[in-house]
Amino acid sequence: NNAEGCVKYQFTQDLENENLVYLF
């Protein structure tokens, strides 16, 4: 909503290991 030029920000929690997160 606020950062100039941010097209996408997404994070996903791993299905097999909830302690792992992937950020794009």
mmCIF file of all heavy atoms, coordinates in Angstrom:
data_MODEL
# 
_entry.id   MODEL 
# 
loop_
_atom_site.group_PDB 
_atom_site.id 
_atom_site.type_symbol 
_atom_site.label_atom_id 
_atom_site.label_alt_id 
_atom_site.label_comp_id 
_atom_site.label_asym_id 
_atom_site.label_entity_id 
_atom_site.label_seq_id 
_atom_site.pdbx_PDB_ins_code 
_atom_site.Cartn_x 
_atom_site.Cartn_y 
_atom_site.Cartn_z 
_atom_site.occupancy 
_atom_site.B_iso_or_equiv 
_atom_site.pdbx_formal_charge 
_atom_site.auth_seq_id 
_atom_site.auth_comp_id 
_atom_site.auth_asym_id 
_atom_site.auth_atom_id 
_atom_site.pdbx_PDB_model_num 
ATOM 1   N N   . ASN A 1 1  ? 0.790  -1.232  0.000  1.00 0.00 ? 1  ASN A N   1 
ATOM 2   C CA  . ASN A 1 1  ? 0.000  0.000   0.000  1.00 0.00 ? 1  ASN A CA  1 
ATOM 3   C C   . ASN A 1 1  ? 0.819  1.278   0.000  1.00 0.00 ? 1  ASN A C   1 
ATOM 4   O O   . ASN A 1 1  ? 0.324  2.312   -0.431 1.00 0.00 ? 1  ASN A O   1 
ATOM 5   C CB  . ASN A 1 1  ? -0.948 0.007   1.212  1.00 0.00 ? 1  ASN A CB  1 
ATOM 6   C CG  . ASN A 1 1  ? -1.984 -1.085  1.121  1.00 0.00 ? 1  ASN A CG  1 
ATOM 7   O OD1 . ASN A 1 1  ? -2.513 -1.366  0.060  1.00 0.00 ? 1  ASN A OD1 1 
ATOM 8   N ND2 . ASN A 1 1  ? -2.249 -1.735  2.240  1.00 0.00 ? 1  ASN A ND2 1 
ATOM 9   N N   . ASN A 1 2  ? 2.067  1.225   0.470  1.00 0.00 ? 2  ASN A N   1 
ATOM 10  C CA  . ASN A 1 2  ? 2.811  2.474   0.684  1.00 0.00 ? 2  ASN A CA  1 
ATOM 11  C C   . ASN A 1 2  ? 4.179  2.566   0.025  1.00 0.00 ? 2  ASN A C   1 
ATOM 12  O O   . ASN A 1 2  ? 4.680  3.665   -0.166 1.00 0.00 ? 2  ASN A O   1 
ATOM 13  C CB  . ASN A 1 2  ? 2.995  2.711   2.189  1.00 0.00 ? 2  ASN A CB  1 
ATOM 14  C CG  . ASN A 1 2  ? 1.673  2.811   2.907  1.00 0.00 ? 2  ASN A CG  1 
ATOM 15  O OD1 . ASN A 1 2  ? 0.757  3.478   2.457  1.00 0.00 ? 2  ASN A OD1 1 
ATOM 16  N ND2 . ASN A 1 2  ? 1.576  2.118   4.036  1.00 0.00 ? 2  ASN A ND2 1 
ATOM 17  N N   . ALA A 1 3  ? 4.820  1.453   -0.260 1.00 0.00 ? 3  ALA A N   1 
ATOM 18  C CA  . ALA A 1 3  ? 6.191  1.515   -0.768 1.00 0.00 ? 3  ALA A CA  1 
ATOM 19  C C   . ALA A 1 3  ? 6.200  1.774   -2.269 1.00 0.00 ? 3  ALA A C   1 
ATOM 20  O O   . ALA A 1 3  ? 5.572  1.055   -3.038 1.00 0.00 ? 3  ALA A O   1 
ATOM 21  C CB  . ALA A 1 3  ? 6.933  0.219   -0.455 1.00 0.00 ? 3  ALA A CB  1 
ATOM 22  N N   . GLU A 1 4  ? 6.917  2.803   -2.645 1.00 0.00 ? 4  GLU A N   1 
ATOM 23  C CA  . GLU A 1 4  ? 7.029  3.146   -4.061 1.00 0.00 ? 4  GLU A CA  1 
ATOM 24  C C   . GLU A 1 4  ? 7.724  2.020   -4.818 1.00 0.00 ? 4  GLU A C   1 
ATOM 25  O O   . GLU A 1 4  ? 8.801  1.561   -4.439 1.00 0.00 ? 4  GLU A O   1 
ATOM 26  C CB  . GLU A 1 4  ? 7.839  4.430   -4.216 1.00 0.00 ? 4  GLU A CB  1 
ATOM 27  C CG  . GLU A 1 4  ? 7.992  4.879   -5.641 1.00 0.00 ? 4  GLU A CG  1 
ATOM 28  C CD  . GLU A 1 4  ? 8.822  6.142   -5.760 1.00 0.00 ? 4  GLU A CD  1 
ATOM 29  O OE1 . GLU A 1 4  ? 9.006  6.850   -4.759 1.00 0.00 ? 4  GLU A OE1 1 
ATOM 30  O OE2 . GLU A 1 4  ? 9.293  6.396   -6.878 1.00 0.00 ? 4  GLU A OE2 1 
ATOM 31  N N   . GLY A 1 5  ? 7.078  1.543   -5.871 1.00 0.00 ? 5  GLY A N   1 
ATOM 32  C CA  . GLY A 1 5  ? 7.688  0.551   -6.739 1.00 0.00 ? 5  GLY A CA  1 
ATOM 33  C C   . GLY A 1 5  ? 7.522  -0.891  -6.307 1.00 0.00 ? 5  GLY A C   1 
ATOM 34  O O   . GLY A 1 5  ? 8.024  -1.794  -6.972 1.00 0.00 ? 5  GLY A O   1 
ATOM 35  N N   . CYS A 1 6  ? 6.816  -1.147  -5.196 1.00 0.00 ? 6  CYS A N   1 
ATOM 36  C CA  . CYS A 1 6  ? 6.589  -2.536  -4.779 1.00 0.00 ? 6  CYS A CA  1 
ATOM 37  C C   . CYS A 1 6  ? 5.446  -3.111  -5.603 1.00 0.00 ? 6  CYS A C   1 
ATOM 38  O O   . CYS A 1 6  ? 4.310  -2.653  -5.521 1.00 0.00 ? 6  CYS A O   1 
ATOM 39  C CB  . CYS A 1 6  ? 6.267  -2.622  -3.294 1.00 0.00 ? 6  CYS A CB  1 
ATOM 40  S SG  . CYS A 1 6  ? 6.073  -4.331  -2.723 1.00 0.00 ? 6  CYS A SG  1 
ATOM 41  N N   . VAL A 1 7  ? 5.756  -4.108  -6.407 1.00 0.00 ? 7  VAL A N   1 
ATOM 42  C CA  . VAL A 1 7  ? 4.769  -4.724  -7.286 1.00 0.00 ? 7  VAL A CA  1 
ATOM 43  C C   . VAL A 1 7  ? 4.076  -5.886  -6.583 1.00 0.00 ? 7  VAL A C   1 
ATOM 44  O O   . VAL A 1 7  ? 2.873  -6.069  -6.694 1.00 0.00 ? 7  VAL A O   1 
ATOM 45  C CB  . VAL A 1 7  ? 5.444  -5.214  -8.590 1.00 0.00 ? 7  VAL A CB  1 
ATOM 46  C CG1 . VAL A 1 7  ? 4.468  -5.943  -9.477 1.00 0.00 ? 7  VAL A CG1 1 
ATOM 47  C CG2 . VAL A 1 7  ? 6.086  -4.052  -9.313 1.00 0.00 ? 7  VAL A CG2 1 
ATOM 48  N N   . LYS A 1 8  ? 4.838  -6.674  -5.838 1.00 0.00 ? 8  LYS A N   1 
ATOM 49  C CA  . LYS A 1 8  ? 4.280  -7.847  -5.163 1.00 0.00 ? 8  LYS A CA  1 
ATOM 50  C C   . LYS A 1 8  ? 5.127  -8.189  -3.953 1.00 0.00 ? 8  LYS A C   1 
ATOM 51  O O   . LYS A 1 8  ? 6.343  -8.055  -3.967 1.00 0.00 ? 8  LYS A O   1 
ATOM 52  C CB  . LYS A 1 8  ? 4.261  -9.031  -6.133 1.00 0.00 ? 8  LYS A CB  1 
ATOM 53  C CG  . LYS A 1 8  ? 3.655  -10.281 -5.566 1.00 0.00 ? 8  LYS A CG  1 
ATOM 54  C CD  . LYS A 1 8  ? 3.561  -11.370 -6.630 1.00 0.00 ? 8  LYS A CD  1 
ATOM 55  C CE  . LYS A 1 8  ? 2.783  -12.525 -6.068 1.00 0.00 ? 8  LYS A CE  1 
ATOM 56  N NZ  . LYS A 1 8  ? 1.831  -13.061 -6.986 1.00 0.00 ? 8  LYS A NZ  1 
ATOM 57  N N   . TYR A 1 9  ? 4.445  -8.620  -2.903 1.00 0.00 ? 9  TYR A N   1 
ATOM 58  C CA  . TYR A 1 9  ? 5.105  -9.103  -1.693 1.00 0.00 ? 9  TYR A CA  1 
ATOM 59  C C   . TYR A 1 9  ? 4.256  -10.260 -1.194 1.00 0.00 ? 9  TYR A C   1 
ATOM 60  O O   . TYR A 1 9  ? 3.066  -10.104 -0.951 1.00 0.00 ? 9  TYR A O   1 
ATOM 61  C CB  . TYR A 1 9  ? 5.172  -7.994  -0.645 1.00 0.00 ? 9  TYR A CB  1 
ATOM 62  C CG  . TYR A 1 9  ? 5.821  -8.413  0.666  1.00 0.00 ? 9  TYR A CG  1 
ATOM 63  C CD1 . TYR A 1 9  ? 7.144  -8.112  0.916  1.00 0.00 ? 9  TYR A CD1 1 
ATOM 64  C CD2 . TYR A 1 9  ? 5.101  -9.098  1.639  1.00 0.00 ? 9  TYR A CD2 1 
ATOM 65  C CE1 . TYR A 1 9  ? 7.751  -8.474  2.112  1.00 0.00 ? 9  TYR A CE1 1 
ATOM 66  C CE2 . TYR A 1 9  ? 5.693  -9.473  2.839  1.00 0.00 ? 9  TYR A CE2 1 
ATOM 67  C CZ  . TYR A 1 9  ? 7.015  -9.154  3.065  1.00 0.00 ? 9  TYR A CZ  1 
ATOM 68  O OH  . TYR A 1 9  ? 7.598  -9.524  4.253  1.00 0.00 ? 9  TYR A OH  1 
ATOM 69  N N   . GLN A 1 10 ? 4.859  -11.398 -1.098 1.00 0.00 ? 10 GLN A N   1 
ATOM 70  C CA  . GLN A 1 10 ? 4.089  -12.580 -0.729 1.00 0.00 ? 10 GLN A CA  1 
ATOM 71  C C   . GLN A 1 10 ? 4.946  -13.497 0.123  1.00 0.00 ? 10 GLN A C   1 
ATOM 72  O O   . GLN A 1 10 ? 6.122  -13.683 -0.149 1.00 0.00 ? 10 GLN A O   1 
ATOM 73  C CB  . GLN A 1 10 ? 3.665  -13.305 -2.000 1.00 0.00 ? 10 GLN A CB  1 
ATOM 74  C CG  . GLN A 1 10 ? 2.952  -14.604 -1.798 1.00 0.00 ? 10 GLN A CG  1 
ATOM 75  C CD  . GLN A 1 10 ? 2.604  -15.232 -3.144 1.00 0.00 ? 10 GLN A CD  1 
ATOM 76  O OE1 . GLN A 1 10 ? 2.374  -14.539 -4.124 1.00 0.00 ? 10 GLN A OE1 1 
ATOM 77  N NE2 . GLN A 1 10 ? 2.581  -16.534 -3.183 1.00 0.00 ? 10 GLN A NE2 1 
ATOM 78  N N   . PHE A 1 11 ? 4.355  -14.055 1.162  1.00 0.00 ? 11 PHE A N   1 
ATOM 79  C CA  . PHE A 1 11 ? 5.068  -15.066 1.918  1.00 0.00 ? 11 PHE A CA  1 
ATOM 80  C C   . PHE A 1 11 ? 4.171  -16.283 2.075  1.00 0.00 ? 11 PHE A C   1 
ATOM 81  O O   . PHE A 1 11 ? 2.949  -16.186 2.089  1.00 0.00 ? 11 PHE A O   1 
ATOM 82  C CB  . PHE A 1 11 ? 5.571  -14.545 3.265  1.00 0.00 ? 11 PHE A CB  1 
ATOM 83  C CG  . PHE A 1 11 ? 4.490  -14.231 4.256  1.00 0.00 ? 11 PHE A CG  1 
ATOM 84  C CD1 . PHE A 1 11 ? 4.057  -15.190 5.153  1.00 0.00 ? 11 PHE A CD1 1 
ATOM 85  C CD2 . PHE A 1 11 ? 3.926  -12.975 4.295  1.00 0.00 ? 11 PHE A CD2 1 
ATOM 86  C CE1 . PHE A 1 11 ? 3.061  -14.905 6.065  1.00 0.00 ? 11 PHE A CE1 1 
ATOM 87  C CE2 . PHE A 1 11 ? 2.935  -12.682 5.208  1.00 0.00 ? 11 PHE A CE2 1 
ATOM 88  C CZ  . PHE A 1 11 ? 2.503  -13.646 6.096  1.00 0.00 ? 11 PHE A CZ  1 
ATOM 89  N N   . THR A 1 12 ? 4.804  -17.431 2.163  1.00 0.00 ? 12 THR A N   1 
ATOM 90  C CA  . THR A 1 12 ? 4.110  -18.703 2.254  1.00 0.00 ? 12 THR A CA  1 
ATOM 91  C C   . THR A 1 12 ? 4.791  -19.560 3.299  1.00 0.00 ? 12 THR A C   1 
ATOM 92  O O   . THR A 1 12 ? 6.012  -19.624 3.356  1.00 0.00 ? 12 THR A O   1 
ATOM 93  C CB  . THR A 1 12 ? 4.172  -19.439 0.891  1.00 0.00 ? 12 THR A CB  1 
ATOM 94  O OG1 . THR A 1 12 ? 3.699  -18.562 -0.129 1.00 0.00 ? 12 THR A OG1 1 
ATOM 95  C CG2 . THR A 1 12 ? 3.343  -20.693 0.902  1.00 0.00 ? 12 THR A CG2 1 
ATOM 96  N N   . GLN A 1 13 ? 3.983  -20.214 4.090  1.00 0.00 ? 13 GLN A N   1 
ATOM 97  C CA  . GLN A 1 13 ? 4.507  -21.130 5.093  1.00 0.00 ? 13 GLN A CA  1 
ATOM 98  C C   . GLN A 1 13 ? 4.620  -22.517 4.473  1.00 0.00 ? 13 GLN A C   1 
ATOM 99  O O   . GLN A 1 13 ? 3.743  -22.965 3.737  1.00 0.00 ? 13 GLN A O   1 
ATOM 100 C CB  . GLN A 1 13 ? 3.552  -21.158 6.284  1.00 0.00 ? 13 GLN A CB  1 
ATOM 101 C CG  . GLN A 1 13 ? 4.121  -21.752 7.523  1.00 0.00 ? 13 GLN A CG  1 
ATOM 102 C CD  . GLN A 1 13 ? 3.201  -21.535 8.722  1.00 0.00 ? 13 GLN A CD  1 
ATOM 103 O OE1 . GLN A 1 13 ? 2.062  -21.131 8.586  1.00 0.00 ? 13 GLN A OE1 1 
ATOM 104 N NE2 . GLN A 1 13 ? 3.719  -21.806 9.894  1.00 0.00 ? 13 GLN A NE2 1 
ATOM 105 N N   . ASP A 1 14 ? 5.721  -23.199 4.738  1.00 0.00 ? 14 ASP A N   1 
ATOM 106 C CA  . ASP A 1 14 ? 5.955  -24.541 4.207  1.00 0.00 ? 14 ASP A CA  1 
ATOM 107 C C   . ASP A 1 14 ? 4.881  -25.502 4.725  1.00 0.00 ? 14 ASP A C   1 
ATOM 108 O O   . ASP A 1 14 ? 4.516  -25.463 5.897  1.00 0.00 ? 14 ASP A O   1 
ATOM 109 C CB  . ASP A 1 14 ? 7.351  -25.013 4.638  1.00 0.00 ? 14 ASP A CB  1 
ATOM 110 C CG  . ASP A 1 14 ? 7.785  -26.258 3.907  1.00 0.00 ? 14 ASP A CG  1 
ATOM 111 O OD1 . ASP A 1 14 ? 7.238  -27.340 4.206  1.00 0.00 ? 14 ASP A OD1 1 
ATOM 112 O OD2 . ASP A 1 14 ? 8.674  -26.150 3.056  1.00 0.00 ? 14 ASP A OD2 1 
ATOM 113 N N   . LEU A 1 15 ? 4.384  -26.361 3.864  1.00 0.00 ? 15 LEU A N   1 
ATOM 114 C CA  . LEU A 1 15 ? 3.338  -27.303 4.249  1.00 0.00 ? 15 LEU A CA  1 
ATOM 115 C C   . LEU A 1 15 ? 3.856  -28.435 5.127  1.00 0.00 ? 15 LEU A C   1 
ATOM 116 O O   . LEU A 1 15 ? 3.139  -28.961 5.971  1.00 0.00 ? 15 LEU A O   1 
ATOM 117 C CB  . LEU A 1 15 ? 2.661  -27.889 3.005  1.00 0.00 ? 15 LEU A CB  1 
ATOM 118 C CG  . LEU A 1 15 ? 1.895  -26.896 2.149  1.00 0.00 ? 15 LEU A CG  1 
ATOM 119 C CD1 . LEU A 1 15 ? 1.398  -27.579 0.882  1.00 0.00 ? 15 LEU A CD1 1 
ATOM 120 C CD2 . LEU A 1 15 ? 0.741  -26.288 2.926  1.00 0.00 ? 15 LEU A CD2 1 
ATOM 121 N N   . GLU A 1 16 ? 5.096  -28.807 4.939  1.00 0.00 ? 16 GLU A N   1 
ATOM 122 C CA  . GLU A 1 16 ? 5.663  -29.928 5.696  1.00 0.00 ? 16 GLU A CA  1 
ATOM 123 C C   . GLU A 1 16 ? 6.380  -29.486 6.971  1.00 0.00 ? 16 GLU A C   1 
ATOM 124 O O   . GLU A 1 16 ? 6.472  -30.252 7.928  1.00 0.00 ? 16 GLU A O   1 
ATOM 125 C CB  . GLU A 1 16 ? 6.614  -30.731 4.810  1.00 0.00 ? 16 GLU A CB  1 
ATOM 126 C CG  . GLU A 1 16 ? 5.900  -31.412 3.663  1.00 0.00 ? 16 GLU A CG  1 
ATOM 127 C CD  . GLU A 1 16 ? 6.839  -32.166 2.745  1.00 0.00 ? 16 GLU A CD  1 
ATOM 128 O OE1 . GLU A 1 16 ? 8.014  -32.352 3.098  1.00 0.00 ? 16 GLU A OE1 1 
ATOM 129 O OE2 . GLU A 1 16 ? 6.384  -32.552 1.657  1.00 0.00 ? 16 GLU A OE2 1 
ATOM 130 N N   . ASN A 1 17 ? 6.907  -28.286 6.977  1.00 0.00 ? 17 ASN A N   1 
ATOM 131 C CA  . ASN A 1 17 ? 7.634  -27.782 8.145  1.00 0.00 ? 17 ASN A CA  1 
ATOM 132 C C   . ASN A 1 17 ? 7.152  -26.361 8.409  1.00 0.00 ? 17 ASN A C   1 
ATOM 133 O O   . ASN A 1 17 ? 7.588  -25.419 7.757  1.00 0.00 ? 17 ASN A O   1 
ATOM 134 C CB  . ASN A 1 17 ? 9.138  -27.807 7.882  1.00 0.00 ? 17 ASN A CB  1 
ATOM 135 C CG  . ASN A 1 17 ? 9.939  -27.324 9.071  1.00 0.00 ? 17 ASN A CG  1 
ATOM 136 O OD1 . ASN A 1 17 ? 9.421  -26.736 10.015 1.00 0.00 ? 17 ASN A OD1 1 
ATOM 137 N ND2 . ASN A 1 17 ? 11.241 -27.555 9.016  1.00 0.00 ? 17 ASN A ND2 1 
ATOM 138 N N   . GLU A 1 18 ? 6.267  -26.197 9.382  1.00 0.00 ? 18 GLU A N   1 
ATOM 139 C CA  . GLU A 1 18 ? 5.660  -24.888 9.639  1.00 0.00 ? 18 GLU A CA  1 
ATOM 140 C C   . GLU A 1 18 ? 6.657  -23.826 10.078 1.00 0.00 ? 18 GLU A C   1 
ATOM 141 O O   . GLU A 1 18 ? 6.353  -22.643 10.056 1.00 0.00 ? 18 GLU A O   1 
ATOM 142 C CB  . GLU A 1 18 ? 4.549  -25.008 10.680 1.00 0.00 ? 18 GLU A CB  1 
ATOM 143 C CG  . GLU A 1 18 ? 5.031  -25.331 12.071 1.00 0.00 ? 18 GLU A CG  1 
ATOM 144 C CD  . GLU A 1 18 ? 3.916  -25.378 13.104 1.00 0.00 ? 18 GLU A CD  1 
ATOM 145 O OE1 . GLU A 1 18 ? 2.741  -25.426 12.711 1.00 0.00 ? 18 GLU A OE1 1 
ATOM 146 O OE2 . GLU A 1 18 ? 4.240  -25.364 14.295 1.00 0.00 ? 18 GLU A OE2 1 
ATOM 147 N N   . ASN A 1 19 ? 7.843  -24.219 10.457 1.00 0.00 ? 19 ASN A N   1 
ATOM 148 C CA  . ASN A 1 19 ? 8.863  -23.251 10.869 1.00 0.00 ? 19 ASN A CA  1 
ATOM 149 C C   . ASN A 1 19 ? 9.603  -22.626 9.688  1.00 0.00 ? 19 ASN A C   1 
ATOM 150 O O   . ASN A 1 19 ? 10.407 -21.719 9.878  1.00 0.00 ? 19 ASN A O   1 
ATOM 151 C CB  . ASN A 1 19 ? 9.877  -23.897 11.817 1.00 0.00 ? 19 ASN A CB  1 
ATOM 152 C CG  . ASN A 1 19 ? 9.233  -24.305 13.121 1.00 0.00 ? 19 ASN A CG  1 
ATOM 153 O OD1 . ASN A 1 19 ? 8.266  -25.049 13.134 1.00 0.00 ? 19 ASN A OD1 1 
ATOM 154 N ND2 . ASN A 1 19 ? 9.760  -23.836 14.211 1.00 0.00 ? 19 ASN A ND2 1 
ATOM 155 N N   . LEU A 1 20 ? 9.346  -23.110 8.482  1.00 0.00 ? 20 LEU A N   1 
ATOM 156 C CA  . LEU A 1 20 ? 9.957  -22.533 7.283  1.00 0.00 ? 20 LEU A CA  1 
ATOM 157 C C   . LEU A 1 20 ? 8.958  -21.628 6.575  1.00 0.00 ? 20 LEU A C   1 
ATOM 158 O O   . LEU A 1 20 ? 7.793  -21.972 6.411  1.00 0.00 ? 20 LEU A O   1 
ATOM 159 C CB  . LEU A 1 20 ? 10.404 -23.633 6.321  1.00 0.00 ? 20 LEU A CB  1 
ATOM 160 C CG  . LEU A 1 20 ? 11.541 -24.528 6.796  1.00 0.00 ? 20 LEU A CG  1 
ATOM 161 C CD1 . LEU A 1 20 ? 11.844 -25.586 5.739  1.00 0.00 ? 20 LEU A CD1 1 
ATOM 162 C CD2 . LEU A 1 20 ? 12.782 -23.732 7.133  1.00 0.00 ? 20 LEU A CD2 1 
ATOM 163 N N   . VAL A 1 21 ? 9.454  -20.464 6.171  1.00 0.00 ? 21 VAL A N   1 
ATOM 164 C CA  . VAL A 1 21 ? 8.630  -19.492 5.457  1.00 0.00 ? 21 VAL A CA  1 
ATOM 165 C C   . VAL A 1 21 ? 9.393  -19.048 4.218  1.00 0.00 ? 21 VAL A C   1 
ATOM 166 O O   . VAL A 1 21 ? 10.608 -18.855 4.252  1.00 0.00 ? 21 VAL A O   1 
ATOM 167 C CB  . VAL A 1 21 ? 8.313  -18.272 6.362  1.00 0.00 ? 21 VAL A CB  1 
ATOM 168 C CG1 . VAL A 1 21 ? 7.574  -17.201 5.591  1.00 0.00 ? 21 VAL A CG1 1 
ATOM 169 C CG2 . VAL A 1 21 ? 7.524  -18.687 7.578  1.00 0.00 ? 21 VAL A CG2 1 
ATOM 170 N N   . TYR A 1 22 ? 8.677  -18.896 3.126  1.00 0.00 ? 22 TYR A N   1 
ATOM 171 C CA  . TYR A 1 22 ? 9.257  -18.426 1.866  1.00 0.00 ? 22 TYR A CA  1 
ATOM 172 C C   . TYR A 1 22 ? 8.694  -17.039 1.579  1.00 0.00 ? 22 TYR A C   1 
ATOM 173 O O   . TYR A 1 22 ? 7.491  -16.826 1.634  1.00 0.00 ? 22 TYR A O   1 
ATOM 174 C CB  . TYR A 1 22 ? 8.917  -19.385 0.730  1.00 0.00 ? 22 TYR A CB  1 
ATOM 175 C CG  . TYR A 1 22 ? 9.349  -20.793 1.046  1.00 0.00 ? 22 TYR A CG  1 
ATOM 176 C CD1 . TYR A 1 22 ? 8.473  -21.700 1.633  1.00 0.00 ? 22 TYR A CD1 1 
ATOM 177 C CD2 . TYR A 1 22 ? 10.642 -21.215 0.788  1.00 0.00 ? 22 TYR A CD2 1 
ATOM 178 C CE1 . TYR A 1 22 ? 8.875  -22.990 1.950  1.00 0.00 ? 22 TYR A CE1 1 
ATOM 179 C CE2 . TYR A 1 22 ? 11.053 -22.501 1.102  1.00 0.00 ? 22 TYR A CE2 1 
ATOM 180 C CZ  . TYR A 1 22 ? 10.165 -23.381 1.682  1.00 0.00 ? 22 TYR A CZ  1 
ATOM 181 O OH  . TYR A 1 22 ? 10.575 -24.646 1.991  1.00 0.00 ? 22 TYR A OH  1 
ATOM 182 N N   . LEU A 1 23 ? 9.572  -16.114 1.284  1.00 0.00 ? 23 LEU A N   1 
ATOM 183 C CA  . LEU A 1 23 ? 9.181  -14.734 1.055  1.00 0.00 ? 23 LEU A CA  1 
ATOM 184 C C   . LEU A 1 23 ? 9.620  -14.319 -0.340 1.00 0.00 ? 23 LEU A C   1 
ATOM 185 O O   . LEU A 1 23 ? 10.756 -14.558 -0.740 1.00 0.00 ? 23 LEU A O   1 
ATOM 186 C CB  . LEU A 1 23 ? 9.863  -13.852 2.108  1.00 0.00 ? 23 LEU A CB  1 
ATOM 187 C CG  . LEU A 1 23 ? 9.689  -12.359 2.004  1.00 0.00 ? 23 LEU A CG  1 
ATOM 188 C CD1 . LEU A 1 23 ? 8.252  -11.997 2.310  1.00 0.00 ? 23 LEU A CD1 1 
ATOM 189 C CD2 . LEU A 1 23 ? 10.624 -11.667 2.969  1.00 0.00 ? 23 LEU A CD2 1 
ATOM 190 N N   . PHE A 1 24 ? 8.697  -13.707 -1.077 1.00 0.00 ? 24 PHE A N   1 
ATOM 191 C CA  . PHE A 1 24 ? 8.989  -13.243 -2.424 1.00 0.00 ? 24 PHE A CA  1 
ATOM 192 C C   . PHE A 1 24 ? 8.545  -11.791 -2.529 1.00 0.00 ? 24 PHE A C   1 
ATOM 193 O O   . PHE A 1 24 ? 7.409  -11.457 -2.179 1.00 0.00 ? 24 PHE A O   1 
ATOM 194 C CB  . PHE A 1 24 ? 8.229  -14.094 -3.445 1.00 0.00 ? 24 PHE A CB  1 
ATOM 195 C CG  . PHE A 1 24 ? 8.441  -13.662 -4.860 1.00 0.00 ? 24 PHE A CG  1 
ATOM 196 C CD1 . PHE A 1 24 ? 9.612  -14.001 -5.531 1.00 0.00 ? 24 PHE A CD1 1 
ATOM 197 C CD2 . PHE A 1 24 ? 7.489  -12.920 -5.529 1.00 0.00 ? 24 PHE A CD2 1 
ATOM 198 C CE1 . PHE A 1 24 ? 9.825  -13.604 -6.840 1.00 0.00 ? 24 PHE A CE1 1 
ATOM 199 C CE2 . PHE A 1 24 ? 7.687  -12.523 -6.839 1.00 0.00 ? 24 PHE A CE2 1 
ATOM 200 C CZ  . PHE A 1 24 ? 8.843  -12.865 -7.489 1.00 0.00 ? 24 PHE A CZ  1 
# 
